[in-house]
Amino acid sequence: RLSRAAMHMPTGPTDAAADLLASFGRVVTPPALGRFGEVLLDRPAGPVKVACLSDEELPAGTAVIVVDVTSSTLVTVTAFDEMGTGQP
């Protein structure tokens, strides 16, 4: 009975790849040029960790925004300027 109840339990909708575009997050593992890193994205359903690429050096802890989505597990990020000064 428990297995049957768990199979039919309602869940929230799964994020599609396009839903990740313009998401904010923080770098967990810094991406190097041509190598993947990891970023923790702030999503309404909770934080999501995905692989990331970047054209710039981003140290761990840097605030980022998703600028391109390759798949639901790989995004391209850039530094986010929280103060609006033009400098990340």
PDB file of N, CA and C in Angstrom:
ATOM      1  N   ARG A   1       0.820  -1.200   0.000  1.00  0.00           N
ATOM      2  CA  ARG A   1       0.000   0.000   0.000  1.00  0.00           C
ATOM      3  C   ARG A   1       0.859   1.257   0.000  1.00  0.00           C
ATOM      4  N   LEU A   2       1.932   1.220   0.781  1.00  0.00           N
ATOM      5  CA  LEU A   2       2.800   2.388   0.869  1.00  0.00           C
ATOM      6  C   LEU A   2       3.443   2.709  -0.480  1.00  0.00           C
ATOM      7  N   SER A   3       3.887   1.699  -1.196  1.00  0.00           N
ATOM      8  CA  SER A   3       4.489   1.911  -2.529  1.00  0.00           C
ATOM      9  C   SER A   3       3.474   2.506  -3.489  1.00  0.00           C
ATOM     10  N   ARG A   4       2.249   1.997  -3.455  1.00  0.00           N
ATOM     11  CA  ARG A   4       1.197   2.508  -4.325  1.00  0.00           C
ATOM     12  C   ARG A   4       0.900   3.975  -4.022  1.00  0.00           C
ATOM     13  N   ALA A   5       0.869   4.326  -2.742  1.00  0.00           N
ATOM     14  CA  ALA A   5       0.603   5.711  -2.350  1.00  0.00           C
ATOM     15  C   ALA A   5       1.743   6.631  -2.793  1.00  0.00           C
ATOM     16  N   ALA A   6       2.974   6.164  -2.680  1.00  0.00           N
ATOM     17  CA  ALA A   6       4.123   6.974  -3.083  1.00  0.00           C
ATOM     18  C   ALA A   6       4.162   7.175  -4.600  1.00  0.00           C
ATOM     19  N   MET A   7       3.738   6.171  -5.366  1.00  0.00           N
ATOM     20  CA  MET A   7       3.745   6.290  -6.824  1.00  0.00           C
ATOM     21  C   MET A   7       2.777   7.364  -7.308  1.00  0.00           C
ATOM     22  N   HIS A   8       1.698   7.582  -6.608  1.00  0.00           N
ATOM     23  CA  HIS A   8       0.679   8.528  -7.057  1.00  0.00           C
ATOM     24  C   HIS A   8       0.697   9.833  -6.268  1.00  0.00           C
ATOM     25  N   MET A   9       1.772  10.059  -5.508  1.00  0.00           N
ATOM     26  CA  MET A   9       1.882  11.274  -4.716  1.00  0.00           C
ATOM     27  C   MET A   9       2.147  12.467  -5.644  1.00  0.00           C
ATOM     28  N   PRO A  10       1.404  13.561  -5.504  1.00  0.00           N
ATOM     29  CA  PRO A  10       1.631  14.722  -6.377  1.00  0.00           C
ATOM     30  C   PRO A  10       2.957  15.407  -6.037  1.00  0.00           C
ATOM     31  N   THR A  11       3.630  15.899  -7.051  1.00  0.00           N
ATOM     32  CA  THR A  11       4.884  16.631  -6.878  1.00  0.00           C
ATOM     33  C   THR A  11       4.795  17.947  -7.626  1.00  0.00           C
ATOM     34  N   GLY A  12       5.684  18.843  -7.332  1.00  0.00           N
ATOM     35  CA  GLY A  12       5.730  20.122  -8.041  1.00  0.00           C
ATOM     36  C   GLY A  12       6.254  19.931  -9.451  1.00  0.00           C
ATOM     37  N   PRO A  13       6.008  20.903 -10.310  1.00  0.00           N
ATOM     38  CA  PRO A  13       6.488  20.782 -11.686  1.00  0.00           C
ATOM     39  C   PRO A  13       8.021  20.841 -11.740  1.00  0.00           C
ATOM     40  N   THR A  14       8.601  20.070 -12.633  1.00  0.00           N
ATOM     41  CA  THR A  14      10.042  20.053 -12.823  1.00  0.00           C
ATOM     42  C   THR A  14      10.453  21.245 -13.676  1.00  0.00           C
ATOM     43  N   ASP A  15      11.558  21.909 -13.313  1.00  0.00           N
ATOM     44  CA  ASP A  15      12.048  23.033 -14.103  1.00  0.00           C
ATOM     45  C   ASP A  15      12.498  22.557 -15.474  1.00  0.00           C
ATOM     46  N   ALA A  16      12.048  23.243 -16.518  1.00  0.00           N
ATOM     47  CA  ALA A  16      12.533  22.982 -17.867  1.00  0.00           C
ATOM     48  C   ALA A  16      13.818  23.769 -18.061  1.00  0.00           C
ATOM     49  N   ALA A  17      14.580  23.440 -19.080  1.00  0.00           N
ATOM     50  CA  ALA A  17      15.840  24.131 -19.333  1.00  0.00           C
ATOM     51  C   ALA A  17      15.618  25.629 -19.491  1.00  0.00           C
ATOM     52  N   ALA A  18      14.574  26.029 -20.175  1.00  0.00           N
ATOM     53  CA  ALA A  18      14.312  27.458 -20.399  1.00  0.00           C
ATOM     54  C   ALA A  18      13.988  28.194 -19.102  1.00  0.00           C
ATOM     55  N   ASP A  19      13.497  27.489 -18.087  1.00  0.00           N
ATOM     56  CA  ASP A  19      13.174  28.126 -16.808  1.00  0.00           C
ATOM     57  C   ASP A  19      14.418  28.596 -16.060  1.00  0.00           C
ATOM     58  N   LEU A  20      15.585  28.054 -16.397  1.00  0.00           N
ATOM     59  CA  LEU A  20      16.817  28.416 -15.709  1.00  0.00           C
ATOM     60  C   LEU A  20      17.399  29.739 -16.205  1.00  0.00           C
ATOM     61  N   LEU A  21      17.008  30.189 -17.397  1.00  0.00           N
ATOM     62  CA  LEU A  21      17.531  31.427 -17.969  1.00  0.00           C
ATOM     63  C   LEU A  21      17.231  32.594 -17.036  1.00  0.00           C
ATOM     64  N   ALA A  22      18.224  33.432 -16.788  1.00  0.00           N
ATOM     65  CA  ALA A  22      18.143  34.617 -15.921  1.00  0.00           C
ATOM     66  C   ALA A  22      18.010  34.264 -14.438  1.00  0.00           C
ATOM     67  N   SER A  23      18.347  33.035 -14.064  1.00  0.00           N
ATOM     68  CA  SER A  23      18.357  32.650 -12.647  1.00  0.00           C
ATOM     69  C   SER A  23      19.611  33.200 -11.978  1.00  0.00           C
ATOM     70  N   PHE A  24      19.493  33.547 -10.712  1.00  0.00           N
ATOM     71  CA  PHE A  24      20.627  34.024  -9.933  1.00  0.00           C
ATOM     72  C   PHE A  24      21.200  32.874  -9.131  1.00  0.00           C
ATOM     73  N   GLY A  25      22.491  32.962  -8.833  1.00  0.00           N
ATOM     74  CA  GLY A  25      23.113  31.933  -8.034  1.00  0.00           C
ATOM     75  C   GLY A  25      24.498  32.339  -7.587  1.00  0.00           C
ATOM     76  N   ARG A  26      25.233  31.372  -7.052  1.00  0.00           N
ATOM     77  CA  ARG A  26      26.610  31.576  -6.579  1.00  0.00           C
ATOM     78  C   ARG A  26      27.482  30.429  -7.080  1.00  0.00           C
ATOM     79  N   VAL A  27      28.737  30.769  -7.397  1.00  0.00           N
ATOM     80  CA  VAL A  27      29.698  29.771  -7.866  1.00  0.00           C
ATOM     81  C   VAL A  27      30.109  28.882  -6.697  1.00  0.00           C
ATOM     82  N   VAL A  28      30.043  27.564  -6.911  1.00  0.00           N
ATOM     83  CA  VAL A  28      30.471  26.588  -5.916  1.00  0.00           C
ATOM     84  C   VAL A  28      31.866  26.093  -6.279  1.00  0.00           C
ATOM     85  N   THR A  29      32.024  25.644  -7.516  1.00  0.00           N
ATOM     86  CA  THR A  29      33.315  25.210  -8.049  1.00  0.00           C
ATOM     87  C   THR A  29      33.650  26.134  -9.206  1.00  0.00           C
ATOM     88  N   PRO A  30      34.738  26.911  -9.129  1.00  0.00           N
ATOM     89  CA  PRO A  30      35.049  27.882 -10.180  1.00  0.00           C
ATOM     90  C   PRO A  30      35.273  27.226 -11.534  1.00  0.00           C
ATOM     91  N   PRO A  31      34.627  27.766 -12.585  1.00  0.00           N
ATOM     92  CA  PRO A  31      34.884  27.254 -13.931  1.00  0.00           C
ATOM     93  C   PRO A  31      36.183  27.850 -14.471  1.00  0.00           C
ATOM     94  N   ALA A  32      36.994  27.044 -15.130  1.00  0.00           N
ATOM     95  CA  ALA A  32      38.204  27.526 -15.794  1.00  0.00           C
ATOM     96  C   ALA A  32      37.887  27.615 -17.285  1.00  0.00           C
ATOM     97  N   LEU A  33      38.702  28.330 -18.028  1.00  0.00           N
ATOM     98  CA  LEU A  33      38.461  28.447 -19.468  1.00  0.00           C
ATOM     99  C   LEU A  33      38.456  27.065 -20.104  1.00  0.00           C
ATOM    100  N   GLY A  34      37.361  26.723 -20.755  1.00  0.00           N
ATOM    101  CA  GLY A  34      37.228  25.426 -21.403  1.00  0.00           C
ATOM    102  C   GLY A  34      36.915  24.275 -20.461  1.00  0.00           C
ATOM    103  N   ARG A  35      36.680  24.556 -19.178  1.00  0.00           N
ATOM    104  CA  ARG A  35      36.368  23.506 -18.210  1.00  0.00           C
ATOM    105  C   ARG A  35      35.098  23.861 -17.462  1.00  0.00           C
ATOM    106  N   PHE A  36      34.404  22.844 -17.017  1.00  0.00           N
ATOM    107  CA  PHE A  36      33.155  23.042 -16.289  1.00  0.00           C
ATOM    108  C   PHE A  36      33.424  23.417 -14.836  1.00  0.00           C
ATOM    109  N   GLY A  37      32.502  24.176 -14.286  1.00  0.00           N
ATOM    110  CA  GLY A  37      32.474  24.462 -12.864  1.00  0.00           C
ATOM    111  C   GLY A  37      31.085  24.092 -12.372  1.00  0.00           C
ATOM    112  N   GLU A  38      30.758  24.494 -11.149  1.00  0.00           N
ATOM    113  CA  GLU A  38      29.420  24.241 -10.604  1.00  0.00           C
ATOM    114  C   GLU A  38      28.874  25.523 -10.012  1.00  0.00           C
ATOM    115  N   VAL A  39      27.570  25.703 -10.157  1.00  0.00           N
ATOM    116  CA  VAL A  39      26.895  26.868  -9.617  1.00  0.00           C
ATOM    117  C   VAL A  39      25.633  26.411  -8.897  1.00  0.00           C
ATOM    118  N   LEU A  40      25.328  27.060  -7.785  1.00  0.00           N
ATOM    119  CA  LEU A  40      24.122  26.771  -7.015  1.00  0.00           C
ATOM    120  C   LEU A  40      23.115  27.862  -7.341  1.00  0.00           C
ATOM    121  N   LEU A  41      22.041  27.486  -8.042  1.00  0.00           N
ATOM    122  CA  LEU A  41      21.040  28.453  -8.488  1.00  0.00           C
ATOM    123  C   LEU A  41      19.903  28.562  -7.482  1.00  0.00           C
ATOM    124  N   ASP A  42      19.422  29.777  -7.279  1.00  0.00           N
ATOM    125  CA  ASP A  42      18.267  30.018  -6.413  1.00  0.00           C
ATOM    126  C   ASP A  42      16.998  29.844  -7.247  1.00  0.00           C
ATOM    127  N   ARG A  43      16.240  28.801  -6.966  1.00  0.00           N
ATOM    128  CA  ARG A  43      15.004  28.516  -7.690  1.00  0.00           C
ATOM    129  C   ARG A  43      13.845  28.542  -6.704  1.00  0.00           C
ATOM    130  N   PRO A  44      12.622  28.829  -7.157  1.00  0.00           N
ATOM    131  CA  PRO A  44      11.471  28.874  -6.251  1.00  0.00           C
ATOM    132  C   PRO A  44      11.244  27.573  -5.474  1.00  0.00           C
ATOM    133  N   ALA A  45      11.538  26.437  -6.082  1.00  0.00           N
ATOM    134  CA  ALA A  45      11.333  25.153  -5.418  1.00  0.00           C
ATOM    135  C   ALA A  45      12.494  24.794  -4.496  1.00  0.00           C
ATOM    136  N   GLY A  46      13.566  25.579  -4.529  1.00  0.00           N
ATOM    137  CA  GLY A  46      14.738  25.308  -3.710  1.00  0.00           C
ATOM    138  C   GLY A  46      15.995  25.402  -4.538  1.00  0.00           C
ATOM    139  N   PRO A  47      17.152  25.401  -3.894  1.00  0.00           N
ATOM    140  CA  PRO A  47      18.410  25.529  -4.631  1.00  0.00           C
ATOM    141  C   PRO A  47      18.670  24.320  -5.523  1.00  0.00           C
ATOM    142  N   VAL A  48      19.304  24.604  -6.680  1.00  0.00           N
ATOM    143  CA  VAL A  48      19.634  23.562  -7.654  1.00  0.00           C
ATOM    144  C   VAL A  48      21.091  23.743  -8.056  1.00  0.00           C
ATOM    145  N   LYS A  49      21.888  22.669  -7.965  1.00  0.00           N
ATOM    146  CA  LYS A  49      23.290  22.739  -8.378  1.00  0.00           C
ATOM    147  C   LYS A  49      23.420  22.152  -9.776  1.00  0.00           C
ATOM    148  N   VAL A  50      24.021  22.936 -10.691  1.00  0.00           N
ATOM    149  CA  VAL A  50      24.212  22.498 -12.071  1.00  0.00           C
ATOM    150  C   VAL A  50      25.634  22.831 -12.507  1.00  0.00           C
ATOM    151  N   ALA A  51      26.072  22.213 -13.585  1.00  0.00           N
ATOM    152  CA  ALA A  51      27.374  22.504 -14.175  1.00  0.00           C
ATOM    153  C   ALA A  51      27.289  23.845 -14.897  1.00  0.00           C
ATOM    154  N   CYS A  52      28.425  24.538 -14.965  1.00  0.00           N
ATOM    155  CA  CYS A  52      28.412  25.838 -15.630  1.00  0.00           C
ATOM    156  C   CYS A  52      29.690  26.068 -16.422  1.00  0.00           C
ATOM    157  N   LEU A  53      29.572  26.970 -17.381  1.00  0.00           N
ATOM    158  CA  LEU A  53      30.694  27.470 -18.173  1.00  0.00           C
ATOM    159  C   LEU A  53      30.704  28.979 -18.039  1.00  0.00           C
ATOM    160  N   SER A  54      31.877  29.601 -18.248  1.00  0.00           N
ATOM    161  CA  SER A  54      31.963  31.052 -18.209  1.00  0.00           C
ATOM    162  C   SER A  54      33.124  31.505 -19.075  1.00  0.00           C
ATOM    163  N   ASP A  55      32.993  32.698 -19.662  1.00  0.00           N
ATOM    164  CA  ASP A  55      34.060  33.273 -20.466  1.00  0.00           C
ATOM    165  C   ASP A  55      35.036  34.073 -19.606  1.00  0.00           C
ATOM    166  N   GLU A  56      34.761  34.185 -18.314  1.00  0.00           N
ATOM    167  CA  GLU A  56      35.601  34.959 -17.411  1.00  0.00           C
ATOM    168  C   GLU A  56      35.930  34.131 -16.180  1.00  0.00           C
ATOM    169  N   GLU A  57      36.993  34.528 -15.482  1.00  0.00           N
ATOM    170  CA  GLU A  57      37.339  33.839 -14.242  1.00  0.00           C
ATOM    171  C   GLU A  57      36.363  34.236 -13.154  1.00  0.00           C
ATOM    172  N   LEU A  58      35.781  33.250 -12.508  1.00  0.00           N
ATOM    173  CA  LEU A  58      34.812  33.485 -11.442  1.00  0.00           C
ATOM    174  C   LEU A  58      35.235  32.690 -10.215  1.00  0.00           C
ATOM    175  N   PRO A  59      35.739  33.363  -9.188  1.00  0.00           N
ATOM    176  CA  PRO A  59      36.117  32.619  -7.975  1.00  0.00           C
ATOM    177  C   PRO A  59      34.892  32.077  -7.238  1.00  0.00           C
ATOM    178  N   ALA A  60      35.114  31.099  -6.402  1.00  0.00           N
ATOM    179  CA  ALA A  60      34.023  30.517  -5.603  1.00  0.00           C
ATOM    180  C   ALA A  60      33.356  31.616  -4.779  1.00  0.00           C
ATOM    181  N   GLY A  61      32.023  31.565  -4.715  1.00  0.00           N
ATOM    182  CA  GLY A  61      31.258  32.547  -3.956  1.00  0.00           C
ATOM    183  C   GLY A  61      30.788  33.744  -4.770  1.00  0.00           C
ATOM    184  N   THR A  62      31.226  33.868  -6.012  1.00  0.00           N
ATOM    185  CA  THR A  62      30.826  34.989  -6.863  1.00  0.00           C
ATOM    186  C   THR A  62      29.351  34.902  -7.202  1.00  0.00           C
ATOM    187  N   ALA A  63      28.632  36.017  -7.090  1.00  0.00           N
ATOM    188  CA  ALA A  63      27.224  36.073  -7.495  1.00  0.00           C
ATOM    189  C   ALA A  63      27.179  36.062  -9.020  1.00  0.00           C
ATOM    190  N   VAL A  64      26.334  35.199  -9.586  1.00  0.00           N
ATOM    191  CA  VAL A  64      26.250  35.062 -11.041  1.00  0.00           C
ATOM    192  C   VAL A  64      24.800  35.070 -11.499  1.00  0.00           C
ATOM    193  N   ILE A  65      24.636  35.261 -12.809  1.00  0.00           N
ATOM    194  CA  ILE A  65      23.335  35.162 -13.450  1.00  0.00           C
ATOM    195  C   ILE A  65      23.492  34.276 -14.681  1.00  0.00           C
ATOM    196  N   VAL A  66      22.488  33.471 -14.961  1.00  0.00           N
ATOM    197  CA  VAL A  66      22.520  32.555 -16.109  1.00  0.00           C
ATOM    198  C   VAL A  66      22.201  33.347 -17.373  1.00  0.00           C
ATOM    199  N   VAL A  67      23.110  33.286 -18.370  1.00  0.00           N
ATOM    200  CA  VAL A  67      22.912  34.010 -19.621  1.00  0.00           C
ATOM    201  C   VAL A  67      22.601  33.086 -20.792  1.00  0.00           C
ATOM    202  N   ASP A  68      22.835  31.785 -20.627  1.00  0.00           N
ATOM    203  CA  ASP A  68      22.521  30.823 -21.685  1.00  0.00           C
ATOM    204  C   ASP A  68      22.296  29.461 -21.038  1.00  0.00           C
ATOM    205  N   VAL A  69      21.375  28.705 -21.607  1.00  0.00           N
ATOM    206  CA  VAL A  69      21.062  27.370 -21.093  1.00  0.00           C
ATOM    207  C   VAL A  69      21.305  26.361 -22.206  1.00  0.00           C
ATOM    208  N   THR A  70      22.291  25.485 -21.996  1.00  0.00           N
ATOM    209  CA  THR A  70      22.586  24.427 -22.956  1.00  0.00           C
ATOM    210  C   THR A  70      21.657  23.242 -22.737  1.00  0.00           C
ATOM    211  N   SER A  71      21.468  22.876 -21.467  1.00  0.00           N
ATOM    212  CA  SER A  71      20.549  21.804 -21.096  1.00  0.00           C
ATOM    213  C   SER A  71      20.084  22.070 -19.673  1.00  0.00           C
ATOM    214  N   SER A  72      19.264  21.192 -19.133  1.00  0.00           N
ATOM    215  CA  SER A  72      18.778  21.402 -17.768  1.00  0.00           C
ATOM    216  C   SER A  72      19.869  21.183 -16.723  1.00  0.00           C
ATOM    217  N   THR A  73      21.041  20.698 -17.157  1.00  0.00           N
ATOM    218  CA  THR A  73      22.144  20.483 -16.218  1.00  0.00           C
ATOM    219  C   THR A  73      23.406  21.255 -16.581  1.00  0.00           C
ATOM    220  N   LEU A  74      23.378  22.086 -17.637  1.00  0.00           N
ATOM    221  CA  LEU A  74      24.546  22.870 -18.048  1.00  0.00           C
ATOM    222  C   LEU A  74      24.108  24.264 -18.466  1.00  0.00           C
ATOM    223  N   VAL A  75      24.682  25.275 -17.806  1.00  0.00           N
ATOM    224  CA  VAL A  75      24.345  26.666 -18.100  1.00  0.00           C
ATOM    225  C   VAL A  75      25.626  27.478 -18.297  1.00  0.00           C
ATOM    226  N   THR A  76      25.478  28.629 -18.950  1.00  0.00           N
ATOM    227  CA  THR A  76      26.566  29.589 -19.076  1.00  0.00           C
ATOM    228  C   THR A  76      26.234  30.757 -18.175  1.00  0.00           C
ATOM    229  N   VAL A  77      27.200  31.180 -17.364  1.00  0.00           N
ATOM    230  CA  VAL A  77      26.957  32.240 -16.397  1.00  0.00           C
ATOM    231  C   VAL A  77      27.932  33.391 -16.585  1.00  0.00           C
ATOM    232  N   THR A  78      27.551  34.532 -16.037  1.00  0.00           N
ATOM    233  CA  THR A  78      28.425  35.694 -15.964  1.00  0.00           C
ATOM    234  C   THR A  78      28.257  36.320 -14.591  1.00  0.00           C
ATOM    235  N   ALA A  79      29.263  37.075 -14.168  1.00  0.00           N
ATOM    236  CA  ALA A  79      29.199  37.707 -12.852  1.00  0.00           C
ATOM    237  C   ALA A  79      28.040  38.692 -12.820  1.00  0.00           C
ATOM    238  N   PHE A  80      27.365  38.766 -11.677  1.00  0.00           N
ATOM    239  CA  PHE A  80      26.230  39.669 -11.497  1.00  0.00           C
ATOM    240  C   PHE A  80      26.662  40.823 -10.612  1.00  0.00           C
ATOM    241  N   ASP A  81      26.450  42.040 -11.099  1.00  0.00           N
ATOM    242  CA  ASP A  81      26.804  43.246 -10.356  1.00  0.00           C
ATOM    243  C   ASP A  81      25.629  43.636  -9.483  1.00  0.00           C
ATOM    244  N   GLU A  82      25.680  43.257  -8.221  1.00  0.00           N
ATOM    245  CA  GLU A  82      24.567  43.510  -7.300  1.00  0.00           C
ATOM    246  C   GLU A  82      24.375  44.990  -6.989  1.00  0.00           C
ATOM    247  N   MET A  83      25.424  45.788  -7.094  1.00  0.00           N
ATOM    248  CA  MET A  83      25.350  47.203  -6.738  1.00  0.00           C
ATOM    249  C   MET A  83      25.034  48.092  -7.947  1.00  0.00           C
ATOM    250  N   GLY A  84      25.063  47.542  -9.161  1.00  0.00           N
ATOM    251  CA  GLY A  84      24.750  48.340 -10.347  1.00  0.00           C
ATOM    252  C   GLY A  84      25.833  49.343 -10.696  1.00  0.00           C
ATOM    253  N   THR A  85      27.091  49.038 -10.366  1.00  0.00           N
ATOM    254  CA  THR A  85      28.194  49.967 -10.621  1.00  0.00           C
ATOM    255  C   THR A  85      28.881  49.740 -11.953  1.00  0.00           C
ATOM    256  N   GLY A  86      28.496  48.678 -12.659  1.00  0.00           N
ATOM    257  CA  GLY A  86      29.155  48.367 -13.917  1.00  0.00           C
ATOM    258  C   GLY A  86      30.354  47.461 -13.739  1.00  0.00           C
ATOM    259  N   GLN A  87      30.765  47.210 -12.506  1.00  0.00           N
ATOM    260  CA  GLN A  87      31.877  46.312 -12.203  1.00  0.00           C
ATOM    261  C   GLN A  87      31.337  45.110 -11.439  1.00  0.00           C
ATOM    262  N   PRO A  88      31.615  43.875 -11.926  1.00  0.00           N
ATOM    263  CA  PRO A  88      31.132  42.698 -11.192  1.00  0.00           C
ATOM    264  C   PRO A  88      31.827  42.499  -9.876  1.00  0.00           C
TER     265      PRO A  88
END
